[in-house]
Amino acid sequence: MPEKAKIYTDLFEQVIQMKRNEIGRIRSGVTVAIFILCCVPAKLGAQVVRFDPARMPRIGRVDDRFQSYNIEMVEIVGGRFWKPYSTTSENRSEPQLAAESTPTGMDPTLYRYRPPIDLSKSRLRKLATALGPAYVRVSGTWANSVYFHNSDGPPPAKAPTGFNSVLTRRQWKGVIDFSHAVNAEIVTSFATSPGTRGRTGVWTPNQAREWLAYTKSVGGRIAAAEFMNEPTYAAMGGAPPGYDAAAYGRDIAVFRPFIKKTAPEMLFLGPGSVAEGPFAMAMGSVLKTEDLLKETGPVFDVFSYHLYAAASKRCASMVSGLQTTAESALSQEWLSRPAKIHGFYAGLRDQFEPGKSLWITETADAACGGNPWASTFLDSFRYLDQLGLLAKLGVRVIMHNTLAASDYGLLDENTFEPRPNYWAALLWRRLMGATVLDPGPSSAPAFHIYAHCLRGQSRGVALLFINTGRSEAQTVGLTTEAERYELTAGKLLDRRVRLNGSELKLGDGDAVPQLRGTPVSPGKVTFAPASISFITIPKANNMSCP
């Protein structure tokens, strides 16, 4: 054996023995220690990074409904939403709908008509229930111009002047019933199009008052709401011509007193901006959040924003230079983008709304319906990494877009069959509690590690290991028993995934399967290239985990 290698081996054995002795001397009940054993630089004296779950400090807490989702208003009322890439033909009856239900300035060929979603479907409710408790946000661009038909009689064949679509009592009651059935609190936004405005052009609460009153009358509750969807895209969202930051300020001056009197229990979220910062996305005219906040002053209960780090392939002709590729989906540059966007909006929060909680009310792999690989295992790396990363950065709620529409839906919109991100979401929901812990440093930039208290287990710890490297395995050492939940797929672009080697699929009657871990004995545990694993340690004895 070469002399340097022998010295390094001897030193390594000494370190391991020292750690064993140290563990034996600990009398506080700590029974777990994790050591990173791989990727140690081949230099004499390189340090072995130690992870001790018992001593991982608490660094924050997320909302109990941290992981949530969107159902777009256009799905509720029926209309044109992002056309999936697999669609090869257009319904011949659609062109007549283009003018009234396509966002201002957008290409109608990017969309496909959908009839109103049936929220009473058993499979949909079972799968949504498994993700609960959660928030269900019913909003989106189409919510800005929806008319609430406050009658049990037939709705108008065409939306009244100043609106683009019609929401019936029956449809909204369906949302309320769904929210009760699946343990999902409702989040929304209000109509702000020309039809909601008086002679001076300022927003009026007439429609909002009727909508809130009906909601209460049938046992519903709106937990939180933004004034409008994405005010930075006000023109595209159907605001009156020439709408600017000053107009937004005048509207908020009417809206806030109205909701504080009419629905005082409802959280006022805002501003709900998008498309700014280091990865700005200009699709038409974009208002600046800074200007909006200057006009409103500190008015929000929670600071909200939307997070899209790229525009999808279908929008490449409109948003040049801000696309990504499947080849870069595991790159550190791509996975670091959410933190950079967060830094931009968190800075505005600190300046204009200091001390307010941060919610992301809409996010996915890419704007405009997602990329073709959003429905594959490849995007599960981004999905879970974004949850872990933003929880550490202090975001309290993240709402994925969407539950079941277009390519970025957690479920297939036609069959409600779970996609890989659904299974990733389910594992997060079952294992990662609300208390966020600091796991300490990783051994390699491509090896991402996140820690939370283990859900439902006092003093337990759950760790999420994401190896984004495509060629190098990573190894840790365990000194006590644990359980492992490893997500894999035959290929990264597969739409089916395996948990500990067995394919995840629904059971008889669409039953959601039990998610069972594999026992892990003390010793080395290896994480393959491009792999995702949760490790649960019920007896970690972390006093930060009640």
Protein backbone atom coordinates (compact mmCIF):
# COMPACT_ATOMS: atom_id res chain seq x y z
CA MET A 1 0.00 0.00 0.00
CA PRO A 2 1.44 3.45 -0.86
CA GLU A 3 2.66 5.31 2.21
CA LYS A 4 0.16 8.22 1.93
CA ALA A 5 -2.78 5.86 1.49
CA LYS A 6 -1.71 3.83 4.55
CA ILE A 7 -1.38 6.97 6.66
CA TYR A 8 -4.79 8.18 5.50
CA THR A 9 -6.39 4.79 6.28
CA ASP A 10 -4.86 4.71 9.76
CA LEU A 11 -6.02 8.25 10.45
CA PHE A 12 -9.54 7.42 9.23
CA GLU A 13 -9.75 4.41 11.60
CA GLN A 14 -8.55 6.59 14.49
CA VAL A 15 -11.27 9.14 13.79
CA ILE A 16 -13.97 6.46 13.70
CA GLN A 17 -12.73 4.97 16.98
CA MET A 18 -12.66 8.41 18.61
CA LYS A 19 -16.27 9.00 17.56
CA ARG A 20 -17.31 5.59 18.90
CA ASN A 21 -15.67 6.41 22.23
CA GLU A 22 -17.34 9.80 22.27
CA ILE A 23 -20.77 8.27 21.68
CA GLY A 24 -20.14 5.81 24.49
CA ARG A 25 -19.41 8.67 26.91
CA ILE A 26 -22.60 10.58 26.08
CA ARG A 27 -25.17 10.15 28.84
CA SER A 28 -27.90 12.40 27.47
CA GLY A 29 -29.72 9.63 25.65
CA VAL A 30 -28.38 10.56 22.23
CA THR A 31 -28.36 7.34 20.22
CA VAL A 32 -27.82 8.56 16.71
CA ALA A 33 -24.90 9.99 14.82
CA ILE A 34 -24.48 10.29 11.09
CA PHE A 35 -21.11 10.70 9.44
CA ILE A 36 -20.44 11.59 5.86
CA LEU A 37 -17.95 9.01 4.66
CA CYS A 38 -17.84 9.59 0.93
CA CYS A 39 -16.33 12.32 -1.13
CA VAL A 40 -13.62 13.05 1.46
CA PRO A 41 -10.82 14.84 -0.37
CA ALA A 42 -7.88 12.53 -0.97
CA LYS A 43 -5.65 14.84 1.00
CA LEU A 44 -4.01 14.07 4.31
CA GLY A 45 -5.91 15.76 7.14
CA ALA A 46 -9.27 16.22 5.34
CA GLN A 47 -12.15 16.51 7.83
CA VAL A 48 -15.03 14.05 8.11
CA VAL A 49 -18.30 16.00 8.36
CA ARG A 50 -20.45 14.89 11.28
CA PHE A 51 -24.23 14.98 11.48
CA ASP A 52 -25.81 14.47 14.90
CA PRO A 53 -29.63 14.48 14.56
CA ALA A 54 -30.06 14.82 18.32
CA ARG A 55 -28.31 18.16 18.27
CA MET A 56 -29.61 19.63 15.03
CA PRO A 57 -30.90 23.05 16.08
CA ARG A 58 -34.34 24.35 15.22
CA ILE A 59 -34.09 27.15 12.64
CA GLY A 60 -37.74 27.76 11.85
CA ARG A 61 -41.23 26.44 11.46
CA VAL A 62 -43.48 26.17 8.44
CA ASP A 63 -47.26 26.26 8.37
CA ASP A 64 -49.00 22.94 9.01
CA ARG A 65 -50.37 23.41 5.47
CA PHE A 66 -46.91 24.24 4.11
CA GLN A 67 -47.22 22.02 1.03
CA SER A 68 -50.35 23.14 -0.83
CA TYR A 69 -51.68 23.41 -4.38
CA ASN A 70 -53.67 25.44 -6.91
CA ILE A 71 -56.84 24.66 -8.82
CA GLU A 72 -57.14 27.41 -11.41
CA MET A 73 -60.38 29.39 -11.59
CA VAL A 74 -60.54 28.51 -15.29
CA GLU A 75 -60.83 24.86 -14.27
CA ILE A 76 -63.83 25.68 -12.09
CA VAL A 77 -65.75 27.73 -14.67
CA GLY A 78 -64.46 26.01 -17.81
CA GLY A 79 -62.31 27.69 -20.41
CA ARG A 80 -58.96 27.70 -22.12
CA PHE A 81 -55.88 26.76 -20.12
CA TRP A 82 -52.35 25.74 -21.18
CA LYS A 83 -52.58 23.01 -23.81
CA PRO A 84 -50.59 19.87 -22.86
CA TYR A 85 -47.73 18.98 -25.20
CA SER A 86 -49.39 15.66 -25.98
CA THR A 87 -52.39 17.42 -27.56
CA THR A 88 -52.15 17.13 -31.33
CA SER A 89 -55.47 18.55 -32.47
CA GLU A 90 -57.65 21.48 -31.54
CA ASN A 91 -61.37 21.31 -30.84
CA ARG A 92 -63.06 22.98 -33.81
CA SER A 93 -65.48 24.86 -31.59
CA GLU A 94 -62.69 26.64 -29.72
CA PRO A 95 -61.82 29.64 -31.93
CA GLN A 96 -65.03 31.45 -30.99
CA LEU A 97 -63.94 31.27 -27.33
CA ALA A 98 -60.47 32.67 -27.91
CA ALA A 99 -61.31 36.34 -27.64
CA GLU A 100 -63.25 36.05 -24.40
CA SER A 101 -61.15 33.53 -22.46
CA THR A 102 -57.56 34.00 -23.58
CA PRO A 103 -55.44 36.41 -21.47
CA THR A 104 -54.81 39.76 -23.11
CA GLY A 105 -51.91 39.68 -25.56
CA MET A 106 -51.39 35.90 -25.43
CA ASP A 107 -51.33 33.48 -28.36
CA PRO A 108 -54.66 31.55 -28.43
CA THR A 109 -52.99 28.48 -29.97
CA LEU A 110 -51.14 27.85 -26.69
CA TYR A 111 -54.39 26.99 -24.96
CA ARG A 112 -56.97 24.21 -25.00
CA TYR A 113 -60.57 24.35 -23.86
CA ARG A 114 -61.53 22.36 -20.77
CA PRO A 115 -65.03 21.86 -19.42
CA PRO A 116 -65.52 22.63 -15.71
CA ILE A 117 -63.69 20.14 -13.48
CA ASP A 118 -65.79 17.72 -11.46
CA LEU A 119 -64.46 18.15 -7.93
CA SER A 120 -66.74 15.38 -6.64
CA LYS A 121 -64.72 12.64 -8.37
CA SER A 122 -63.78 9.98 -5.84
CA ARG A 123 -60.20 9.47 -7.07
CA LEU A 124 -59.47 13.20 -7.07
CA ARG A 125 -60.78 13.59 -3.54
CA LYS A 126 -58.89 10.56 -2.21
CA LEU A 127 -55.60 11.77 -3.62
CA ALA A 128 -56.12 15.35 -2.43
CA THR A 129 -57.11 14.12 1.04
CA ALA A 130 -53.82 12.24 1.30
CA LEU A 131 -51.98 15.56 0.90
CA GLY A 132 -54.01 17.28 3.60
CA PRO A 133 -54.14 19.39 5.55
CA ALA A 134 -53.39 21.89 2.81
CA TYR A 135 -54.51 25.12 1.22
CA VAL A 136 -56.31 24.96 -2.11
CA ARG A 137 -55.85 28.20 -4.01
CA VAL A 138 -58.56 28.91 -6.58
CA SER A 139 -57.25 31.85 -8.53
CA GLY A 140 -55.08 32.48 -11.58
CA THR A 141 -55.35 34.96 -14.42
CA TRP A 142 -58.96 34.00 -15.18
CA ALA A 143 -60.05 34.91 -11.62
CA ASN A 144 -59.36 38.57 -12.37
CA SER A 145 -62.27 38.74 -14.81
CA VAL A 146 -64.82 36.25 -13.45
CA TYR A 147 -68.42 37.29 -12.79
CA PHE A 148 -70.18 35.67 -9.83
CA HIS A 149 -73.73 34.78 -10.84
CA ASN A 150 -75.46 35.04 -7.47
CA SER A 151 -78.58 33.09 -8.38
CA ASP A 152 -79.72 29.51 -8.62
CA GLY A 153 -81.28 30.33 -11.98
CA PRO A 154 -79.57 29.69 -15.33
CA PRO A 155 -76.39 31.75 -15.80
CA PRO A 156 -76.13 34.20 -18.68
CA ALA A 157 -74.95 32.69 -21.95
CA LYS A 158 -72.23 35.32 -22.05
CA ALA A 159 -70.46 37.12 -19.24
CA PRO A 160 -71.71 40.67 -18.56
CA THR A 161 -69.76 43.58 -20.00
CA GLY A 162 -66.44 43.99 -18.21
CA PHE A 163 -66.08 40.28 -17.37
CA ASN A 164 -64.79 37.31 -19.35
CA SER A 165 -66.35 34.28 -17.63
CA VAL A 166 -69.13 33.30 -15.24
CA LEU A 167 -68.85 31.52 -11.89
CA THR A 168 -72.13 29.95 -10.76
CA ARG A 169 -73.30 29.24 -7.23
CA ARG A 170 -73.19 25.53 -8.00
CA GLN A 171 -69.59 25.69 -9.16
CA TRP A 172 -68.44 27.65 -6.11
CA LYS A 173 -70.39 25.35 -3.80
CA GLY A 174 -68.43 22.52 -5.42
CA VAL A 175 -65.18 24.21 -4.35
CA ILE A 176 -66.47 24.61 -0.79
CA ASP A 177 -67.59 20.97 -0.62
CA PHE A 178 -64.22 19.85 -1.99
CA SER A 179 -62.35 21.91 0.60
CA HIS A 180 -64.32 20.31 3.43
CA ALA A 181 -63.90 16.80 2.04
CA VAL A 182 -60.11 16.97 1.59
CA ASN A 183 -59.15 19.19 4.56
CA ALA A 184 -58.02 22.09 2.40
CA GLU A 185 -58.59 25.72 3.43
CA ILE A 186 -59.59 27.99 0.52
CA VAL A 187 -57.27 30.71 -0.76
CA THR A 188 -58.35 32.93 -3.65
CA SER A 189 -58.27 36.39 -5.25
CA PHE A 190 -61.00 38.76 -6.39
CA ALA A 191 -62.29 39.96 -9.72
CA THR A 192 -60.68 43.29 -10.66
CA SER A 193 -61.63 43.72 -14.33
CA PRO A 194 -63.53 46.77 -15.70
CA GLY A 195 -66.86 45.23 -14.72
CA THR A 196 -66.01 45.62 -11.03
CA ARG A 197 -65.35 49.37 -11.28
CA GLY A 198 -67.37 52.53 -10.80
CA ARG A 199 -67.47 55.66 -12.92
CA THR A 200 -64.12 56.89 -11.63
CA GLY A 201 -62.43 53.60 -12.54
CA VAL A 202 -61.76 52.61 -8.92
CA TRP A 203 -62.61 49.09 -7.76
CA THR A 204 -65.98 48.61 -6.03
CA PRO A 205 -66.90 45.76 -3.62
CA ASN A 206 -70.34 44.91 -5.02
CA GLN A 207 -69.39 41.57 -6.57
CA ALA A 208 -67.01 40.68 -3.71
CA ARG A 209 -69.71 41.34 -1.10
CA GLU A 210 -72.16 38.97 -2.80
CA TRP A 211 -69.50 36.28 -3.23
CA LEU A 212 -68.39 36.43 0.42
CA ALA A 213 -71.96 36.42 1.67
CA TYR A 214 -72.87 33.37 -0.39
CA THR A 215 -69.71 31.57 0.75
CA LYS A 216 -70.66 32.09 4.39
CA SER A 217 -74.29 31.14 3.81
CA VAL A 218 -73.37 27.64 2.61
CA GLY A 219 -70.83 26.97 5.36
CA GLY A 220 -67.73 27.99 3.43
CA ARG A 221 -64.74 30.00 4.52
CA ILE A 222 -62.01 31.85 2.65
CA ALA A 223 -58.89 31.55 4.77
CA ALA A 224 -56.74 33.99 2.81
CA ALA A 225 -56.91 36.05 -0.37
CA GLU A 226 -54.94 38.36 -2.61
CA PHE A 227 -56.65 41.39 -4.15
CA MET A 228 -55.84 40.33 -7.70
CA ASN A 229 -53.81 37.62 -9.33
CA GLU A 230 -50.32 38.85 -10.30
CA PRO A 231 -50.68 42.65 -10.26
CA THR A 232 -47.29 42.93 -11.95
CA TYR A 233 -49.07 41.47 -15.00
CA ALA A 234 -52.14 43.67 -14.56
CA ALA A 235 -52.65 44.33 -18.27
CA MET A 236 -52.44 40.65 -19.22
CA GLY A 237 -54.76 39.86 -16.32
CA GLY A 238 -57.57 42.02 -17.64
CA ALA A 239 -57.10 45.28 -15.73
CA PRO A 240 -58.41 48.48 -17.36
CA PRO A 241 -56.18 50.07 -20.02
CA GLY A 242 -53.47 52.22 -18.49
CA TYR A 243 -53.67 50.52 -15.09
CA ASP A 244 -50.59 51.47 -13.05
CA ALA A 245 -49.16 51.44 -9.54
CA ALA A 246 -51.17 54.51 -8.52
CA ALA A 247 -54.40 52.81 -9.64
CA TYR A 248 -53.42 49.73 -7.61
CA GLY A 249 -52.89 51.92 -4.56
CA ARG A 250 -56.33 53.49 -4.96
CA ASP A 251 -57.92 50.05 -5.26
CA ILE A 252 -56.18 48.71 -2.16
CA ALA A 253 -57.36 51.77 -0.22
CA VAL A 254 -60.92 50.56 -0.89
CA PHE A 255 -60.34 46.81 -0.74
CA ARG A 256 -58.52 46.51 2.60
CA PRO A 257 -61.12 48.34 4.74
CA PHE A 258 -63.85 46.35 3.00
CA ILE A 259 -62.39 42.92 3.80
CA LYS A 260 -61.37 43.86 7.34
CA LYS A 261 -65.01 44.72 8.03
CA THR A 262 -66.71 42.03 5.94
CA ALA A 263 -64.32 39.08 6.47
CA PRO A 264 -62.05 40.01 9.41
CA GLU A 265 -60.84 36.43 9.86
CA MET A 266 -59.47 36.28 6.30
CA LEU A 267 -55.73 36.86 5.86
CA PHE A 268 -54.91 39.59 3.37
CA LEU A 269 -52.10 38.28 1.16
CA GLY A 270 -50.14 40.44 -1.19
CA PRO A 271 -49.03 41.64 -3.48
CA GLY A 272 -48.75 38.23 -5.23
CA SER A 273 -46.20 39.49 -7.76
CA VAL A 274 -44.30 37.52 -10.38
CA ALA A 275 -41.71 37.85 -13.15
CA GLU A 276 -39.17 40.17 -11.53
CA GLY A 277 -35.71 39.89 -10.02
CA PRO A 278 -32.75 37.92 -11.36
CA PHE A 279 -34.88 35.91 -13.80
CA ALA A 280 -37.33 38.57 -14.95
CA MET A 281 -39.94 37.34 -17.38
CA ALA A 282 -41.46 40.06 -19.55
CA MET A 283 -44.66 38.91 -21.24
CA GLY A 284 -46.10 42.28 -22.15
CA SER A 285 -46.13 45.23 -19.75
CA VAL A 286 -44.81 44.49 -16.25
CA LEU A 287 -45.43 46.73 -13.24
CA LYS A 288 -42.76 46.86 -10.54
CA THR A 289 -43.58 45.46 -7.11
CA GLU A 290 -41.52 48.23 -5.54
CA ASP A 291 -43.81 50.83 -7.13
CA LEU A 292 -46.92 48.93 -6.03
CA LEU A 293 -45.70 48.80 -2.44
CA LYS A 294 -44.81 52.48 -2.41
CA GLU A 295 -48.42 53.25 -3.30
CA THR A 296 -50.01 51.00 -0.66
CA GLY A 297 -47.85 51.30 2.42
CA PRO A 298 -47.71 48.35 4.88
CA VAL A 299 -51.17 46.81 4.42
CA PHE A 300 -50.71 43.04 4.01
CA ASP A 301 -51.04 40.39 6.71
CA VAL A 302 -48.72 38.08 4.73
CA PHE A 303 -46.24 38.94 1.97
CA SER A 304 -46.90 36.72 -1.05
CA TYR A 305 -45.22 36.20 -4.40
CA HIS A 306 -45.11 33.70 -7.27
CA LEU A 307 -41.98 31.76 -8.16
CA TYR A 308 -41.14 30.68 -11.71
CA ALA A 309 -37.47 30.29 -12.55
CA ALA A 310 -38.10 29.83 -16.29
CA ALA A 311 -40.75 30.06 -18.98
CA SER A 312 -41.81 26.77 -20.51
CA LYS A 313 -40.96 25.53 -23.97
CA ARG A 314 -44.43 26.47 -25.25
CA CYS A 315 -43.77 30.14 -24.39
CA ALA A 316 -40.30 30.31 -25.94
CA SER A 317 -41.48 32.54 -28.77
CA MET A 318 -42.77 35.13 -26.30
CA VAL A 319 -40.13 34.89 -23.58
CA SER A 320 -36.82 34.38 -25.34
CA GLY A 321 -33.73 33.60 -23.30
CA LEU A 322 -35.47 32.40 -20.14
CA GLN A 323 -35.95 28.72 -20.86
CA THR A 324 -34.22 25.71 -19.39
CA THR A 325 -33.57 22.15 -20.56
CA ALA A 326 -33.96 18.63 -19.26
CA GLU A 327 -30.17 18.30 -19.38
CA SER A 328 -29.78 21.10 -16.84
CA ALA A 329 -32.57 19.93 -14.51
CA LEU A 330 -30.09 18.58 -11.94
CA SER A 331 -27.55 21.39 -12.27
CA GLN A 332 -26.65 23.56 -9.29
CA GLU A 333 -27.33 26.66 -11.38
CA TRP A 334 -30.92 25.59 -12.01
CA LEU A 335 -31.64 24.37 -8.48
CA SER A 336 -30.23 27.58 -6.98
CA ARG A 337 -32.65 29.84 -8.87
CA PRO A 338 -35.51 29.63 -6.34
CA ALA A 339 -33.23 30.99 -3.60
CA LYS A 340 -32.21 33.92 -5.79
CA ILE A 341 -35.81 34.78 -6.66
CA HIS A 342 -36.71 34.44 -3.00
CA GLY A 343 -33.92 36.84 -2.09
CA PHE A 344 -35.38 39.48 -4.39
CA TYR A 345 -38.89 39.33 -2.92
CA ALA A 346 -37.72 38.81 0.66
CA GLY A 347 -35.73 42.01 0.27
CA LEU A 348 -38.85 43.90 -0.77
CA ARG A 349 -40.71 42.37 2.17
CA ASP A 350 -38.01 43.56 4.56
CA GLN A 351 -38.15 47.07 3.09
CA PHE A 352 -41.90 47.60 2.87
CA GLU A 353 -43.59 44.93 5.04
CA PRO A 354 -40.99 44.07 7.71
CA GLY A 355 -41.75 41.12 9.95
CA LYS A 356 -44.49 39.67 7.73
CA SER A 357 -44.57 35.96 6.93
CA LEU A 358 -43.68 34.83 3.40
CA TRP A 359 -46.01 32.70 1.27
CA ILE A 360 -45.45 31.50 -2.28
CA THR A 361 -48.96 31.26 -3.67
CA GLU A 362 -47.99 29.82 -7.06
CA THR A 363 -44.96 27.89 -8.31
CA ALA A 364 -43.94 25.07 -10.64
CA ASP A 365 -40.98 24.07 -12.78
CA ALA A 366 -41.79 26.71 -15.41
CA ALA A 367 -44.47 29.26 -16.23
CA CYS A 368 -46.94 28.65 -19.07
CA GLY A 369 -48.07 25.17 -18.04
CA GLY A 370 -44.68 23.61 -17.32
CA ASN A 371 -42.10 21.89 -19.51
CA PRO A 372 -42.52 18.45 -21.12
CA TRP A 373 -40.48 16.83 -18.33
CA ALA A 374 -42.56 18.43 -15.55
CA SER A 375 -44.65 15.24 -15.48
CA THR A 376 -41.61 12.94 -15.11
CA PHE A 377 -39.36 11.81 -12.28
CA LEU A 378 -36.74 14.33 -13.40
CA ASP A 379 -38.76 17.23 -11.98
CA SER A 380 -39.14 15.56 -8.58
CA PHE A 381 -35.60 16.68 -7.76
CA ARG A 382 -36.58 20.33 -8.21
CA TYR A 383 -39.92 19.81 -6.49
CA LEU A 384 -38.45 18.39 -3.27
CA ASP A 385 -35.31 20.50 -3.29
CA GLN A 386 -37.42 23.65 -3.56
CA LEU A 387 -39.52 22.60 -0.56
CA GLY A 388 -36.44 21.89 1.56
CA LEU A 389 -34.53 24.96 0.46
CA LEU A 390 -37.34 27.49 0.88
CA ALA A 391 -38.41 26.05 4.23
CA LYS A 392 -34.86 26.75 5.47
CA LEU A 393 -35.11 30.28 4.08
CA GLY A 394 -38.26 31.04 6.06
CA VAL A 395 -41.09 30.54 3.55
CA ARG A 396 -44.12 29.30 5.49
CA VAL A 397 -46.43 28.13 2.68
CA ILE A 398 -45.81 26.93 -0.90
CA MET A 399 -48.68 26.33 -3.33
CA HIS A 400 -47.86 24.17 -6.33
CA ASN A 401 -49.45 24.95 -9.67
CA THR A 402 -51.46 22.80 -10.28
CA LEU A 403 -53.21 19.87 -8.64
CA ALA A 404 -54.48 18.48 -11.96
CA ALA A 405 -54.11 20.70 -15.03
CA SER A 406 -51.56 20.85 -17.86
CA ASP A 407 -48.07 19.34 -17.72
CA TYR A 408 -47.08 20.61 -14.29
CA GLY A 409 -50.11 19.09 -12.52
CA LEU A 410 -49.45 16.63 -9.72
CA LEU A 411 -52.14 14.48 -11.33
CA ASP A 412 -52.96 13.75 -14.96
CA GLU A 413 -55.84 16.05 -15.86
CA ASN A 414 -57.79 13.41 -17.77
CA THR A 415 -57.40 10.36 -15.52
CA PHE A 416 -56.24 11.89 -12.20
CA GLU A 417 -53.47 9.29 -12.27
CA PRO A 418 -50.65 10.30 -9.88
CA ARG A 419 -47.49 11.63 -11.49
CA PRO A 420 -44.01 11.34 -9.92
CA ASN A 421 -44.33 14.71 -8.18
CA TYR A 422 -47.49 13.51 -6.48
CA TRP A 423 -45.61 10.63 -4.89
CA ALA A 424 -42.81 13.00 -3.89
CA ALA A 425 -45.40 15.31 -2.34
CA LEU A 426 -47.01 12.42 -0.49
CA LEU A 427 -43.70 11.32 1.03
CA TRP A 428 -42.97 14.87 2.14
CA ARG A 429 -46.43 15.11 3.69
CA ARG A 430 -46.10 11.82 5.57
CA LEU A 431 -42.54 12.29 6.86
CA MET A 432 -41.46 15.94 7.09
CA GLY A 433 -42.93 17.80 10.05
CA ALA A 434 -43.44 21.52 10.51
CA THR A 435 -40.29 22.19 12.55
CA VAL A 436 -37.26 22.93 10.35
CA LEU A 437 -33.84 21.81 11.56
CA ASP A 438 -30.32 22.69 10.46
CA PRO A 439 -28.55 19.49 9.33
CA GLY A 440 -25.20 21.24 8.98
CA PRO A 441 -22.94 21.19 5.93
CA SER A 442 -22.96 18.62 3.17
CA SER A 443 -19.92 16.83 1.84
CA ALA A 444 -20.43 17.91 -1.79
CA PRO A 445 -22.27 20.70 -3.66
CA ALA A 446 -24.38 18.15 -5.54
CA PHE A 447 -25.47 16.41 -2.32
CA HIS A 448 -28.39 18.36 -0.82
CA ILE A 449 -29.51 17.53 2.72
CA TYR A 450 -32.56 18.87 4.56
CA ALA A 451 -33.86 18.05 8.02
CA HIS A 452 -37.21 18.44 9.76
CA CYS A 453 -38.73 16.94 12.84
CA LEU A 454 -40.31 13.61 11.96
CA ARG A 455 -44.04 14.01 11.52
CA GLY A 456 -46.07 12.32 14.23
CA GLN A 457 -43.06 11.13 16.26
CA SER A 458 -41.92 13.02 19.34
CA ARG A 459 -38.14 13.64 19.31
CA GLY A 460 -37.85 12.01 15.89
CA VAL A 461 -35.98 13.45 12.91
CA ALA A 462 -36.55 13.07 9.17
CA LEU A 463 -33.73 13.71 6.71
CA LEU A 464 -34.04 14.27 2.97
CA PHE A 465 -30.98 13.35 0.87
CA ILE A 466 -31.00 14.50 -2.77
CA ASN A 467 -28.00 13.39 -4.80
CA THR A 468 -28.12 15.55 -7.92
CA GLY A 469 -24.80 14.25 -9.20
CA ARG A 470 -25.20 12.10 -12.29
CA SER A 471 -22.09 9.98 -11.82
CA GLU A 472 -20.89 9.95 -8.19
CA ALA A 473 -22.57 8.07 -5.37
CA GLN A 474 -22.60 9.55 -1.87
CA THR A 475 -22.29 7.57 1.35
CA VAL A 476 -23.19 8.28 4.98
CA GLY A 477 -22.73 6.16 8.06
CA LEU A 478 -25.45 5.40 10.61
CA THR A 479 -24.71 4.30 14.17
CA THR A 480 -28.26 3.18 14.93
CA GLU A 481 -31.35 1.83 13.23
CA ALA A 482 -33.37 3.97 10.84
CA GLU A 483 -35.77 3.59 7.92
CA ARG A 484 -35.18 4.53 4.31
CA TYR A 485 -37.64 5.65 1.65
CA GLU A 486 -35.83 5.75 -1.70
CA LEU A 487 -37.47 7.09 -4.86
CA THR A 488 -36.08 5.77 -8.12
CA ALA A 489 -37.11 5.29 -11.74
CA GLY A 490 -35.78 3.24 -14.62
CA LYS A 491 -34.98 6.49 -16.41
CA LEU A 492 -35.09 10.07 -15.23
CA LEU A 493 -37.77 10.89 -17.79
CA ASP A 494 -40.05 8.04 -16.70
CA ARG A 495 -43.57 8.83 -15.55
CA ARG A 496 -43.63 5.93 -13.10
CA VAL A 497 -41.54 5.76 -9.95
CA ARG A 498 -40.54 3.11 -7.45
CA LEU A 499 -40.33 3.29 -3.67
CA ASN A 500 -37.59 1.02 -2.36
CA GLY A 501 -37.76 -0.94 -5.61
CA SER A 502 -41.55 -1.37 -5.84
CA GLU A 503 -43.64 0.67 -8.27
CA LEU A 504 -45.93 3.18 -6.62
CA LYS A 505 -49.51 2.83 -7.81
CA LEU A 506 -53.04 3.07 -6.51
CA GLY A 507 -54.68 0.02 -5.02
CA ASP A 508 -58.18 -1.38 -5.35
CA GLY A 509 -60.80 1.33 -5.29
CA ASP A 510 -58.07 3.93 -5.88
CA ALA A 511 -56.70 3.34 -2.40
CA VAL A 512 -53.54 5.31 -1.67
CA PRO A 513 -50.85 2.75 -0.83
CA GLN A 514 -49.05 2.52 2.47
CA LEU A 515 -45.60 4.07 2.23
CA ARG A 516 -43.31 1.66 3.99
CA GLY A 517 -39.66 2.26 4.69
CA THR A 518 -36.87 -0.27 4.53
CA PRO A 519 -35.02 -0.94 7.80
CA VAL A 520 -31.47 0.35 7.81
CA SER A 521 -28.90 -1.22 10.11
CA PRO A 522 -26.05 0.77 11.59
CA GLY A 523 -23.23 1.23 9.10
CA LYS A 524 -22.75 2.70 5.66
CA VAL A 525 -25.67 3.85 3.54
CA THR A 526 -25.03 4.76 -0.09
CA PHE A 527 -27.07 7.17 -2.19
CA ALA A 528 -26.83 6.42 -5.89
CA PRO A 529 -26.27 9.13 -8.48
CA ALA A 530 -29.46 11.03 -9.33
CA SER A 531 -31.42 9.63 -6.41
CA ILE A 532 -33.81 10.85 -3.72
CA SER A 533 -34.05 9.30 -0.25
CA PHE A 534 -35.81 10.12 2.98
CA ILE A 535 -34.23 8.70 6.14
CA THR A 536 -36.36 8.62 9.27
CA ILE A 537 -34.87 8.32 12.76
CA PRO A 538 -37.73 7.93 15.27
CA LYS A 539 -35.36 7.70 18.26
CA ALA A 540 -33.15 10.65 17.40
CA ASN A 541 -34.00 12.23 20.78
CA ASN A 542 -33.93 15.76 19.36
CA MET A 543 -35.36 18.01 22.08
CA SER A 544 -36.44 20.57 19.46
CA CYS A 545 -38.98 18.06 18.14
CA PRO A 546 -42.02 17.98 20.45
